[in-house]
Amino acid sequence: MAKRGGFPGGMPGNMNNLMKQAQKMQKQMEENQKALEEKEFTASAGGGAVEITISGKKEVTAVKIKEEVVDPDDVEMLEDLIMAATNEALRKVEEEAAAAMSKLTGGMGLGGGFSF
């Protein structure tokens, strides 16, 4: 019987294929990360009174505030609307990253140190 490749001691397996698959997955992860970073995510609060756009790099790229929301006597409300819209836009980035990772890993649940 011919001996197949593998580990010393007779442990079967094709380490070469495993390494190729890992490299392919890493490349796909890098491509997904780059694609995510190039996207923009927009969210609004207060019925559209405040709109925030952030990049996939989690950087604010635009802030739009309707004039009627700017009340010098109620700055706190405006601050709350900006915070709510920003948090919603960030949540969209996280959802997109999680969906891309899930698609890539096929639901293997590779939690831990993977952040996108």
PDB file of N, CA and C in Angstrom:
ATOM      1  N   MET A   1       0.850  -1.181   0.000  1.00  0.00           N
ATOM      2  CA  MET A   1       0.000   0.000   0.000  1.00  0.00           C
ATOM      3  C   MET A   1       0.891   1.237   0.000  1.00  0.00           C
ATOM      4  N   ALA A   2       0.645   2.123  -0.948  1.00  0.00           N
ATOM      5  CA  ALA A   2       1.457   3.335  -1.051  1.00  0.00           C
ATOM      6  C   ALA A   2       1.084   4.297   0.056  1.00  0.00           C
ATOM      7  N   LYS A   3       2.105   4.933   0.597  1.00  0.00           N
ATOM      8  CA  LYS A   3       1.880   5.864   1.687  1.00  0.00           C
ATOM      9  C   LYS A   3       1.490   7.224   1.091  1.00  0.00           C
ATOM     10  N   ARG A   4       0.386   7.769   1.594  1.00  0.00           N
ATOM     11  CA  ARG A   4      -0.045   9.091   1.158  1.00  0.00           C
ATOM     12  C   ARG A   4       0.702  10.134   1.970  1.00  0.00           C
ATOM     13  N   GLY A   5       0.720  11.340   1.477  1.00  0.00           N
ATOM     14  CA  GLY A   5       1.364  12.433   2.206  1.00  0.00           C
ATOM     15  C   GLY A   5       0.718  12.629   3.568  1.00  0.00           C
ATOM     16  N   GLY A   6       1.335  13.397   4.394  1.00  0.00           N
ATOM     17  CA  GLY A   6       0.747  13.670   5.696  1.00  0.00           C
ATOM     18  C   GLY A   6       1.821  13.925   6.720  1.00  0.00           C
ATOM     19  N   PHE A   7       1.463  13.729   7.946  1.00  0.00           N
ATOM     20  CA  PHE A   7       2.376  13.967   9.052  1.00  0.00           C
ATOM     21  C   PHE A   7       3.160  12.707   9.368  1.00  0.00           C
ATOM     22  N   PRO A   8       4.368  12.864   9.931  1.00  0.00           N
ATOM     23  CA  PRO A   8       5.135  11.682  10.354  1.00  0.00           C
ATOM     24  C   PRO A   8       4.313  10.876  11.356  1.00  0.00           C
ATOM     25  N   GLY A   9       4.502   9.593  11.319  1.00  0.00           N
ATOM     26  CA  GLY A   9       3.741   8.740  12.225  1.00  0.00           C
ATOM     27  C   GLY A   9       2.470   8.228  11.579  1.00  0.00           C
ATOM     28  N   GLY A  10       2.261   8.536  10.313  1.00  0.00           N
ATOM     29  CA  GLY A  10       1.125   7.992   9.593  1.00  0.00           C
ATOM     30  C   GLY A  10      -0.155   8.793   9.692  1.00  0.00           C
ATOM     31  N   MET A  11      -0.139   9.974  10.259  1.00  0.00           N
ATOM     32  CA  MET A  11      -1.370  10.766  10.356  1.00  0.00           C
ATOM     33  C   MET A  11      -1.745  11.248   8.957  1.00  0.00           C
ATOM     34  N   PRO A  12      -2.893  10.815   8.431  1.00  0.00           N
ATOM     35  CA  PRO A  12      -3.271  11.177   7.065  1.00  0.00           C
ATOM     36  C   PRO A  12      -3.707  12.641   6.977  1.00  0.00           C
ATOM     37  N   GLY A  13      -3.664  13.163   5.780  1.00  0.00           N
ATOM     38  CA  GLY A  13      -4.134  14.529   5.560  1.00  0.00           C
ATOM     39  C   GLY A  13      -3.299  15.210   4.506  1.00  0.00           C
ATOM     40  N   ASN A  14      -3.846  16.222   3.955  1.00  0.00           N
ATOM     41  CA  ASN A  14      -3.129  16.952   2.932  1.00  0.00           C
ATOM     42  C   ASN A  14      -2.923  18.380   3.411  1.00  0.00           C
ATOM     43  N   MET A  15      -1.816  18.588   4.078  1.00  0.00           N
ATOM     44  CA  MET A  15      -1.505  19.892   4.659  1.00  0.00           C
ATOM     45  C   MET A  15      -1.402  20.974   3.589  1.00  0.00           C
ATOM     46  N   ASN A  16      -0.952  20.604   2.410  1.00  0.00           N
ATOM     47  CA  ASN A  16      -0.822  21.557   1.317  1.00  0.00           C
ATOM     48  C   ASN A  16      -2.183  22.141   0.937  1.00  0.00           C
ATOM     49  N   ASN A  17      -3.186  21.283   0.809  1.00  0.00           N
ATOM     50  CA  ASN A  17      -4.533  21.755   0.481  1.00  0.00           C
ATOM     51  C   ASN A  17      -5.084  22.642   1.581  1.00  0.00           C
ATOM     52  N   LEU A  18      -4.854  22.266   2.814  1.00  0.00           N
ATOM     53  CA  LEU A  18      -5.326  23.048   3.945  1.00  0.00           C
ATOM     54  C   LEU A  18      -4.705  24.440   3.926  1.00  0.00           C
ATOM     55  N   MET A  19      -3.413  24.520   3.644  1.00  0.00           N
ATOM     56  CA  MET A  19      -2.734  25.813   3.582  1.00  0.00           C
ATOM     57  C   MET A  19      -3.279  26.660   2.425  1.00  0.00           C
ATOM     58  N   LYS A  20      -3.536  26.027   1.280  1.00  0.00           N
ATOM     59  CA  LYS A  20      -4.096  26.753   0.143  1.00  0.00           C
ATOM     60  C   LYS A  20      -5.472  27.320   0.486  1.00  0.00           C
ATOM     61  N   GLN A  21      -6.288  26.511   1.173  1.00  0.00           N
ATOM     62  CA  GLN A  21      -7.619  26.977   1.566  1.00  0.00           C
ATOM     63  C   GLN A  21      -7.519  28.136   2.547  1.00  0.00           C
ATOM     64  N   ALA A  22      -6.591  28.054   3.489  1.00  0.00           N
ATOM     65  CA  ALA A  22      -6.398  29.136   4.466  1.00  0.00           C
ATOM     66  C   ALA A  22      -5.943  30.409   3.765  1.00  0.00           C
ATOM     67  N   GLN A  23      -5.034  30.290   2.805  1.00  0.00           N
ATOM     68  CA  GLN A  23      -4.563  31.462   2.064  1.00  0.00           C
ATOM     69  C   GLN A  23      -5.695  32.068   1.236  1.00  0.00           C
ATOM     70  N   LYS A  24      -6.522  31.215   0.630  1.00  0.00           N
ATOM     71  CA  LYS A  24      -7.648  31.687  -0.155  1.00  0.00           C
ATOM     72  C   LYS A  24      -8.630  32.439   0.738  1.00  0.00           C
ATOM     73  N   MET A  25      -8.913  31.885   1.921  1.00  0.00           N
ATOM     74  CA  MET A  25      -9.828  32.524   2.847  1.00  0.00           C
ATOM     75  C   MET A  25      -9.263  33.864   3.326  1.00  0.00           C
ATOM     76  N   GLN A  26      -7.968  33.909   3.600  1.00  0.00           N
ATOM     77  CA  GLN A  26      -7.345  35.155   4.033  1.00  0.00           C
ATOM     78  C   GLN A  26      -7.451  36.215   2.947  1.00  0.00           C
ATOM     79  N   LYS A  27      -7.227  35.819   1.703  1.00  0.00           N
ATOM     80  CA  LYS A  27      -7.327  36.759   0.584  1.00  0.00           C
ATOM     81  C   LYS A  27      -8.756  37.284   0.453  1.00  0.00           C
ATOM     82  N   GLN A  28      -9.735  36.389   0.595  1.00  0.00           N
ATOM     83  CA  GLN A  28     -11.130  36.799   0.519  1.00  0.00           C
ATOM     84  C   GLN A  28     -11.480  37.755   1.662  1.00  0.00           C
ATOM     85  N   MET A  29     -10.953  37.486   2.848  1.00  0.00           N
ATOM     86  CA  MET A  29     -11.196  38.363   3.993  1.00  0.00           C
ATOM     87  C   MET A  29     -10.625  39.754   3.723  1.00  0.00           C
ATOM     88  N   GLU A  30      -9.431  39.806   3.157  1.00  0.00           N
ATOM     89  CA  GLU A  30      -8.807  41.090   2.836  1.00  0.00           C
ATOM     90  C   GLU A  30      -9.610  41.840   1.781  1.00  0.00           C
ATOM     91  N   GLU A  31     -10.102  41.116   0.774  1.00  0.00           N
ATOM     92  CA  GLU A  31     -10.913  41.736  -0.272  1.00  0.00           C
ATOM     93  C   GLU A  31     -12.217  42.275   0.311  1.00  0.00           C
ATOM     94  N   ASN A  32     -12.845  41.476   1.198  1.00  0.00           N
ATOM     95  CA  ASN A  32     -14.086  41.916   1.838  1.00  0.00           C
ATOM     96  C   ASN A  32     -13.846  43.152   2.693  1.00  0.00           C
ATOM     97  N   GLN A  33     -12.741  43.175   3.418  1.00  0.00           N
ATOM     98  CA  GLN A  33     -12.410  44.322   4.262  1.00  0.00           C
ATOM     99  C   GLN A  33     -12.228  45.572   3.407  1.00  0.00           C
ATOM    100  N   LYS A  34     -11.521  45.440   2.294  1.00  0.00           N
ATOM    101  CA  LYS A  34     -11.298  46.584   1.397  1.00  0.00           C
ATOM    102  C   LYS A  34     -12.626  47.081   0.820  1.00  0.00           C
ATOM    103  N   ALA A  35     -13.470  46.157   0.412  1.00  0.00           N
ATOM    104  CA  ALA A  35     -14.772  46.535  -0.140  1.00  0.00           C
ATOM    105  C   ALA A  35     -15.615  47.245   0.921  1.00  0.00           C
ATOM    106  N   LEU A  36     -15.576  46.757   2.145  1.00  0.00           N
ATOM    107  CA  LEU A  36     -16.326  47.378   3.234  1.00  0.00           C
ATOM    108  C   LEU A  36     -15.822  48.798   3.490  1.00  0.00           C
ATOM    109  N   GLU A  37     -14.505  48.969   3.488  1.00  0.00           N
ATOM    110  CA  GLU A  37     -13.916  50.282   3.749  1.00  0.00           C
ATOM    111  C   GLU A  37     -14.289  51.305   2.678  1.00  0.00           C
ATOM    112  N   GLU A  38     -14.586  50.847   1.472  1.00  0.00           N
ATOM    113  CA  GLU A  38     -14.936  51.752   0.378  1.00  0.00           C
ATOM    114  C   GLU A  38     -16.417  52.136   0.386  1.00  0.00           C
ATOM    115  N   LYS A  39     -17.222  51.449   1.188  1.00  0.00           N
ATOM    116  CA  LYS A  39     -18.650  51.738   1.253  1.00  0.00           C
ATOM    117  C   LYS A  39     -18.924  52.898   2.192  1.00  0.00           C
ATOM    118  N   GLU A  40     -20.099  53.482   2.035  1.00  0.00           N
ATOM    119  CA  GLU A  40     -20.570  54.497   2.970  1.00  0.00           C
ATOM    120  C   GLU A  40     -21.917  54.062   3.520  1.00  0.00           C
ATOM    121  N   PHE A  41     -22.159  54.410   4.766  1.00  0.00           N
ATOM    122  CA  PHE A  41     -23.377  54.033   5.462  1.00  0.00           C
ATOM    123  C   PHE A  41     -24.016  55.300   6.026  1.00  0.00           C
ATOM    124  N   THR A  42     -25.300  55.481   5.745  1.00  0.00           N
ATOM    125  CA  THR A  42     -26.002  56.674   6.182  1.00  0.00           C
ATOM    126  C   THR A  42     -27.158  56.275   7.080  1.00  0.00           C
ATOM    127  N   ALA A  43     -27.334  57.049   8.140  1.00  0.00           N
ATOM    128  CA  ALA A  43     -28.456  56.840   9.051  1.00  0.00           C
ATOM    129  C   ALA A  43     -28.957  58.198   9.491  1.00  0.00           C
ATOM    130  N   SER A  44     -30.234  58.232   9.853  1.00  0.00           N
ATOM    131  CA  SER A  44     -30.801  59.504  10.291  1.00  0.00           C
ATOM    132  C   SER A  44     -31.527  59.312  11.612  1.00  0.00           C
ATOM    133  N   ALA A  45     -31.822  60.425  12.248  1.00  0.00           N
ATOM    134  CA  ALA A  45     -32.573  60.430  13.503  1.00  0.00           C
ATOM    135  C   ALA A  45     -33.524  61.614  13.475  1.00  0.00           C
ATOM    136  N   GLY A  46     -34.535  61.543  14.308  1.00  0.00           N
ATOM    137  CA  GLY A  46     -35.500  62.643  14.374  1.00  0.00           C
ATOM    138  C   GLY A  46     -36.288  62.795  13.096  1.00  0.00           C
ATOM    139  N   GLY A  47     -36.643  61.672  12.481  1.00  0.00           N
ATOM    140  CA  GLY A  47     -37.418  61.738  11.245  1.00  0.00           C
ATOM    141  C   GLY A  47     -36.669  62.386  10.098  1.00  0.00           C
ATOM    142  N   GLY A  48     -35.350  62.244  10.108  1.00  0.00           N
ATOM    143  CA  GLY A  48     -34.529  62.804   9.046  1.00  0.00           C
ATOM    144  C   GLY A  48     -33.980  64.181   9.372  1.00  0.00           C
ATOM    145  N   ALA A  49     -34.207  64.640  10.599  1.00  0.00           N
ATOM    146  CA  ALA A  49     -33.711  65.963  10.996  1.00  0.00           C
ATOM    147  C   ALA A  49     -32.189  66.000  11.019  1.00  0.00           C
ATOM    148  N   VAL A  50     -31.590  64.881  11.382  1.00  0.00           N
ATOM    149  CA  VAL A  50     -30.134  64.765  11.401  1.00  0.00           C
ATOM    150  C   VAL A  50     -29.764  63.527  10.603  1.00  0.00           C
ATOM    151  N   GLU A  51     -28.799  63.670   9.714  1.00  0.00           N
ATOM    152  CA  GLU A  51     -28.339  62.542   8.894  1.00  0.00           C
ATOM    153  C   GLU A  51     -26.814  62.472   8.988  1.00  0.00           C
ATOM    154  N   ILE A  52     -26.318  61.278   9.288  1.00  0.00           N
ATOM    155  CA  ILE A  52     -24.880  61.050   9.428  1.00  0.00           C
ATOM    156  C   ILE A  52     -24.460  60.003   8.401  1.00  0.00           C
ATOM    157  N   THR A  53     -23.344  60.254   7.734  1.00  0.00           N
ATOM    158  CA  THR A  53     -22.760  59.280   6.816  1.00  0.00           C
ATOM    159  C   THR A  53     -21.368  58.943   7.325  1.00  0.00           C
ATOM    160  N   ILE A  54     -21.098  57.640   7.404  1.00  0.00           N
ATOM    161  CA  ILE A  54     -19.770  57.194   7.815  1.00  0.00           C
ATOM    162  C   ILE A  54     -19.233  56.206   6.800  1.00  0.00           C
ATOM    163  N   SER A  55     -17.926  56.092   6.760  1.00  0.00           N
ATOM    164  CA  SER A  55     -17.284  55.140   5.845  1.00  0.00           C
ATOM    165  C   SER A  55     -17.179  53.785   6.534  1.00  0.00           C
ATOM    166  N   GLY A  56     -16.844  52.785   5.746  1.00  0.00           N
ATOM    167  CA  GLY A  56     -16.603  51.460   6.302  1.00  0.00           C
ATOM    168  C   GLY A  56     -15.397  51.438   7.216  1.00  0.00           C
ATOM    169  N   LYS A  57     -14.609  52.503   7.192  1.00  0.00           N
ATOM    170  CA  LYS A  57     -13.471  52.640   8.104  1.00  0.00           C
ATOM    171  C   LYS A  57     -13.915  53.255   9.429  1.00  0.00           C
ATOM    172  N   LYS A  58     -15.217  53.485   9.551  1.00  0.00           N
ATOM    173  CA  LYS A  58     -15.825  54.060  10.752  1.00  0.00           C
ATOM    174  C   LYS A  58     -15.390  55.501  10.978  1.00  0.00           C
ATOM    175  N   GLU A  59     -15.311  56.250   9.882  1.00  0.00           N
ATOM    176  CA  GLU A  59     -15.005  57.670   9.937  1.00  0.00           C
ATOM    177  C   GLU A  59     -16.213  58.446   9.444  1.00  0.00           C
ATOM    178  N   VAL A  60     -16.602  59.486  10.181  1.00  0.00           N
ATOM    179  CA  VAL A  60     -17.727  60.318   9.764  1.00  0.00           C
ATOM    180  C   VAL A  60     -17.306  61.086   8.511  1.00  0.00           C
ATOM    181  N   THR A  61     -18.104  60.949   7.457  1.00  0.00           N
ATOM    182  CA  THR A  61     -17.779  61.629   6.201  1.00  0.00           C
ATOM    183  C   THR A  61     -18.742  62.758   5.887  1.00  0.00           C
ATOM    184  N   ALA A  62     -19.926  62.761   6.523  1.00  0.00           N
ATOM    185  CA  ALA A  62     -20.886  63.835   6.277  1.00  0.00           C
ATOM    186  C   ALA A  62     -21.866  63.939   7.443  1.00  0.00           C
ATOM    187  N   VAL A  63     -22.241  65.170   7.734  1.00  0.00           N
ATOM    188  CA  VAL A  63     -23.265  65.465   8.740  1.00  0.00           C
ATOM    189  C   VAL A  63     -24.224  66.463   8.111  1.00  0.00           C
ATOM    190  N   LYS A  64     -25.504  66.110   8.098  1.00  0.00           N
ATOM    191  CA  LYS A  64     -26.520  67.034   7.566  1.00  0.00           C
ATOM    192  C   LYS A  64     -27.538  67.288   8.681  1.00  0.00           C
ATOM    193  N   ILE A  65     -27.803  68.561   8.908  1.00  0.00           N
ATOM    194  CA  ILE A  65     -28.749  68.952   9.949  1.00  0.00           C
ATOM    195  C   ILE A  65     -29.753  69.903   9.322  1.00  0.00           C
ATOM    196  N   LYS A  66     -31.037  69.557   9.461  1.00  0.00           N
ATOM    197  CA  LYS A  66     -32.073  70.453   8.941  1.00  0.00           C
ATOM    198  C   LYS A  66     -32.110  71.702   9.798  1.00  0.00           C
ATOM    199  N   GLU A  67     -32.262  72.817   9.144  1.00  0.00           N
ATOM    200  CA  GLU A  67     -32.209  74.118   9.809  1.00  0.00           C
ATOM    201  C   GLU A  67     -33.208  74.234  10.958  1.00  0.00           C
ATOM    202  N   GLU A  68     -34.397  73.663  10.784  1.00  0.00           N
ATOM    203  CA  GLU A  68     -35.427  73.806  11.813  1.00  0.00           C
ATOM    204  C   GLU A  68     -35.096  73.076  13.121  1.00  0.00           C
ATOM    205  N   VAL A  69     -34.088  72.202  13.088  1.00  0.00           N
ATOM    206  CA  VAL A  69     -33.693  71.461  14.282  1.00  0.00           C
ATOM    207  C   VAL A  69     -32.730  72.281  15.143  1.00  0.00           C
ATOM    208  N   VAL A  70     -32.103  73.261  14.557  1.00  0.00           N
ATOM    209  CA  VAL A  70     -31.112  74.056  15.275  1.00  0.00           C
ATOM    210  C   VAL A  70     -31.844  75.082  16.157  1.00  0.00           C
ATOM    211  N   ASP A  71     -31.924  74.745  17.439  1.00  0.00           N
ATOM    212  CA  ASP A  71     -32.575  75.600  18.428  1.00  0.00           C
ATOM    213  C   ASP A  71     -31.552  75.914  19.514  1.00  0.00           C
ATOM    214  N   PRO A  72     -31.081  77.149  19.584  1.00  0.00           N
ATOM    215  CA  PRO A  72     -30.054  77.488  20.575  1.00  0.00           C
ATOM    216  C   PRO A  72     -30.488  77.206  22.012  1.00  0.00           C
ATOM    217  N   ASP A  73     -31.802  77.141  22.226  1.00  0.00           N
ATOM    218  CA  ASP A  73     -32.301  76.861  23.570  1.00  0.00           C
ATOM    219  C   ASP A  73     -32.411  75.367  23.854  1.00  0.00           C
ATOM    220  N   ASP A  74     -32.160  74.530  22.848  1.00  0.00           N
ATOM    221  CA  ASP A  74     -32.269  73.076  23.048  1.00  0.00           C
ATOM    222  C   ASP A  74     -31.129  72.359  22.334  1.00  0.00           C
ATOM    223  N   VAL A  75     -29.924  72.717  22.658  1.00  0.00           N
ATOM    224  CA  VAL A  75     -28.732  72.094  22.074  1.00  0.00           C
ATOM    225  C   VAL A  75     -28.674  70.607  22.437  1.00  0.00           C
ATOM    226  N   GLU A  76     -29.149  70.259  23.617  1.00  0.00           N
ATOM    227  CA  GLU A  76     -29.108  68.864  24.078  1.00  0.00           C
ATOM    228  C   GLU A  76     -29.875  67.935  23.134  1.00  0.00           C
ATOM    229  N   MET A  77     -31.017  68.382  22.622  1.00  0.00           N
ATOM    230  CA  MET A  77     -31.776  67.545  21.691  1.00  0.00           C
ATOM    231  C   MET A  77     -30.976  67.307  20.415  1.00  0.00           C
ATOM    232  N   LEU A  78     -30.341  68.347  19.899  1.00  0.00           N
ATOM    233  CA  LEU A  78     -29.537  68.211  18.691  1.00  0.00           C
ATOM    234  C   LEU A  78     -28.378  67.243  18.920  1.00  0.00           C
ATOM    235  N   GLU A  79     -27.733  67.359  20.068  1.00  0.00           N
ATOM    236  CA  GLU A  79     -26.644  66.436  20.413  1.00  0.00           C
ATOM    237  C   GLU A  79     -27.146  64.995  20.459  1.00  0.00           C
ATOM    238  N   ASP A  80     -28.320  64.787  21.038  1.00  0.00           N
ATOM    239  CA  ASP A  80     -28.897  63.441  21.108  1.00  0.00           C
ATOM    240  C   ASP A  80     -29.204  62.886  19.725  1.00  0.00           C
ATOM    241  N   LEU A  81     -29.725  63.731  18.836  1.00  0.00           N
ATOM    242  CA  LEU A  81     -30.026  63.295  17.467  1.00  0.00           C
ATOM    243  C   LEU A  81     -28.750  62.922  16.717  1.00  0.00           C
ATOM    244  N   ILE A  82     -27.707  63.723  16.881  1.00  0.00           N
ATOM    245  CA  ILE A  82     -26.429  63.423  16.215  1.00  0.00           C
ATOM    246  C   ILE A  82     -25.871  62.098  16.738  1.00  0.00           C
ATOM    247  N   MET A  83     -25.920  61.913  18.041  1.00  0.00           N
ATOM    248  CA  MET A  83     -25.417  60.675  18.636  1.00  0.00           C
ATOM    249  C   MET A  83     -26.227  59.466  18.150  1.00  0.00           C
ATOM    250  N   ALA A  84     -27.545  59.592  18.112  1.00  0.00           N
ATOM    251  CA  ALA A  84     -28.392  58.481  17.677  1.00  0.00           C
ATOM    252  C   ALA A  84     -28.124  58.114  16.220  1.00  0.00           C
ATOM    253  N   ALA A  85     -28.011  59.112  15.360  1.00  0.00           N
ATOM    254  CA  ALA A  85     -27.761  58.844  13.941  1.00  0.00           C
ATOM    255  C   ALA A  85     -26.380  58.230  13.739  1.00  0.00           C
ATOM    256  N   THR A  86     -25.388  58.720  14.478  1.00  0.00           N
ATOM    257  CA  THR A  86     -24.034  58.175  14.361  1.00  0.00           C
ATOM    258  C   THR A  86     -23.998  56.727  14.816  1.00  0.00           C
ATOM    259  N   ASN A  87     -24.618  56.435  15.934  1.00  0.00           N
ATOM    260  CA  ASN A  87     -24.638  55.059  16.436  1.00  0.00           C
ATOM    261  C   ASN A  87     -25.364  54.114  15.478  1.00  0.00           C
ATOM    262  N   GLU A  88     -26.423  54.591  14.858  1.00  0.00           N
ATOM    263  CA  GLU A  88     -27.149  53.767  13.889  1.00  0.00           C
ATOM    264  C   GLU A  88     -26.289  53.491  12.661  1.00  0.00           C
ATOM    265  N   ALA A  89     -25.573  54.499  12.184  1.00  0.00           N
ATOM    266  CA  ALA A  89     -24.693  54.299  11.026  1.00  0.00           C
ATOM    267  C   ALA A  89     -23.575  53.311  11.374  1.00  0.00           C
ATOM    268  N   LEU A  90     -23.007  53.423  12.563  1.00  0.00           N
ATOM    269  CA  LEU A  90     -21.962  52.480  12.996  1.00  0.00           C
ATOM    270  C   LEU A  90     -22.519  51.055  13.100  1.00  0.00           C
ATOM    271  N   ARG A  91     -23.757  50.937  13.570  1.00  0.00           N
ATOM    272  CA  ARG A  91     -24.389  49.620  13.656  1.00  0.00           C
ATOM    273  C   ARG A  91     -24.525  48.999  12.268  1.00  0.00           C
ATOM    274  N   LYS A  92     -24.832  49.832  11.270  1.00  0.00           N
ATOM    275  CA  LYS A  92     -24.940  49.332   9.897  1.00  0.00           C
ATOM    276  C   LYS A  92     -23.597  48.787   9.402  1.00  0.00           C
ATOM    277  N   VAL A  93     -22.515  49.472   9.735  1.00  0.00           N
ATOM    278  CA  VAL A  93     -21.183  48.988   9.343  1.00  0.00           C
ATOM    279  C   VAL A  93     -20.924  47.629   9.986  1.00  0.00           C
ATOM    280  N   GLU A  94     -21.218  47.500  11.269  1.00  0.00           N
ATOM    281  CA  GLU A  94     -20.993  46.242  11.989  1.00  0.00           C
ATOM    282  C   GLU A  94     -21.831  45.110  11.402  1.00  0.00           C
ATOM    283  N   GLU A  95     -23.080  45.407  11.062  1.00  0.00           N
ATOM    284  CA  GLU A  95     -23.944  44.386  10.454  1.00  0.00           C
ATOM    285  C   GLU A  95     -23.381  43.905   9.124  1.00  0.00           C
ATOM    286  N   GLU A  96     -22.934  44.846   8.311  1.00  0.00           N
ATOM    287  CA  GLU A  96     -22.359  44.498   6.994  1.00  0.00           C
ATOM    288  C   GLU A  96     -21.105  43.642   7.167  1.00  0.00           C
ATOM    289  N   ALA A  97     -20.261  44.020   8.123  1.00  0.00           N
ATOM    290  CA  ALA A  97     -19.026  43.269   8.373  1.00  0.00           C
ATOM    291  C   ALA A  97     -19.353  41.858   8.868  1.00  0.00           C
ATOM    292  N   ALA A  98     -20.313  41.750   9.765  1.00  0.00           N
ATOM    293  CA  ALA A  98     -20.694  40.441  10.298  1.00  0.00           C
ATOM    294  C   ALA A  98     -21.301  39.557   9.196  1.00  0.00           C
ATOM    295  N   ALA A  99     -22.113  40.155   8.333  1.00  0.00           N
ATOM    296  CA  ALA A  99     -22.716  39.400   7.238  1.00  0.00           C
ATOM    297  C   ALA A  99     -21.642  38.909   6.268  1.00  0.00           C
ATOM    298  N   ALA A 100     -20.668  39.753   5.972  1.00  0.00           N
ATOM    299  CA  ALA A 100     -19.589  39.359   5.060  1.00  0.00           C
ATOM    300  C   ALA A 100     -18.769  38.234   5.666  1.00  0.00           C
ATOM    301  N   MET A 101     -18.482  38.322   6.955  1.00  0.00           N
ATOM    302  CA  MET A 101     -17.701  37.288   7.624  1.00  0.00           C
ATOM    303  C   MET A 101     -18.478  35.972   7.678  1.00  0.00           C
ATOM    304  N   SER A 102     -19.764  36.056   7.964  1.00  0.00           N
ATOM    305  CA  SER A 102     -20.596  34.857   8.027  1.00  0.00           C
ATOM    306  C   SER A 102     -20.661  34.168   6.666  1.00  0.00           C
ATOM    307  N   LYS A 103     -20.783  34.974   5.622  1.00  0.00           N
ATOM    308  CA  LYS A 103     -20.821  34.419   4.265  1.00  0.00           C
ATOM    309  C   LYS A 103     -19.500  33.718   3.938  1.00  0.00           C
ATOM    310  N   LEU A 104     -18.404  34.339   4.341  1.00  0.00           N
ATOM    311  CA  LEU A 104     -17.080  33.812   4.054  1.00  0.00           C
ATOM    312  C   LEU A 104     -16.796  32.525   4.813  1.00  0.00           C
ATOM    313  N   THR A 105     -17.176  32.497   6.084  1.00  0.00           N
ATOM    314  CA  THR A 105     -16.873  31.339   6.929  1.00  0.00           C
ATOM    315  C   THR A 105     -17.957  30.275   6.866  1.00  0.00           C
ATOM    316  N   GLY A 106     -19.042  30.573   6.185  1.00  0.00           N
ATOM    317  CA  GLY A 106     -20.114  29.594   6.083  1.00  0.00           C
ATOM    318  C   GLY A 106     -20.761  29.302   7.422  1.00  0.00           C
ATOM    319  N   GLY A 107     -20.780  30.282   8.307  1.00  0.00           N
ATOM    320  CA  GLY A 107     -21.406  30.108   9.606  1.00  0.00           C
ATOM    321  C   GLY A 107     -20.600  29.268  10.574  1.00  0.00           C
ATOM    322  N   MET A 108     -19.292  29.154  10.362  1.00  0.00           N
ATOM    323  CA  MET A 108     -18.457  28.340  11.255  1.00  0.00           C
ATOM    324  C   MET A 108     -18.320  28.955  12.632  1.00  0.00           C
ATOM    325  N   GLY A 109     -18.706  30.215  12.781  1.00  0.00           N
ATOM    326  CA  GLY A 109     -18.617  30.859  14.076  1.00  0.00           C
ATOM    327  C   GLY A 109     -17.191  31.105  14.514  1.00  0.00           C
ATOM    328  N   LEU A 110     -16.388  31.709  13.672  1.00  0.00           N
ATOM    329  CA  LEU A 110     -15.011  32.014  14.008  1.00  0.00           C
ATOM    330  C   LEU A 110     -14.938  33.298  14.807  1.00  0.00           C
ATOM    331  N   GLY A 111     -15.495  33.367  15.947  1.00  0.00           N
ATOM    332  CA  GLY A 111     -15.493  34.573  16.759  1.00  0.00           C
ATOM    333  C   GLY A 111     -14.103  35.012  17.109  1.00  0.00           C
ATOM    334  N   GLY A 112     -13.958  35.673  18.207  1.00  0.00           N
ATOM    335  CA  GLY A 112     -12.643  36.036  18.680  1.00  0.00           C
ATOM    336  C   GLY A 112     -12.079  37.256  18.005  1.00  0.00           C
ATOM    337  N   GLY A 113     -10.800  37.236  17.717  1.00  0.00           N
ATOM    338  CA  GLY A 113     -10.065  38.409  17.303  1.00  0.00           C
ATOM    339  C   GLY A 113     -10.309  38.898  15.901  1.00  0.00           C
ATOM    340  N   PHE A 114     -11.358  38.487  15.249  1.00  0.00           N
ATOM    341  CA  PHE A 114     -11.630  38.964  13.906  1.00  0.00           C
ATOM    342  C   PHE A 114     -12.496  40.199  13.979  1.00  0.00           C
ATOM    343  N   SER A 115     -11.968  41.345  13.605  1.00  0.00           N
ATOM    344  CA  SER A 115     -12.782  42.549  13.576  1.00  0.00           C
ATOM    345  C   SER A 115     -12.731  43.141  12.179  1.00  0.00           C
ATOM    346  N   PHE A 116     -13.898  43.521  11.702  1.00  0.00           N
ATOM    347  CA  PHE A 116     -14.004  44.105  10.363  1.00  0.00           C
ATOM    348  C   PHE A 116     -14.738  45.394  10.433  1.00  0.00           C
TER     349      PHE A 116
END
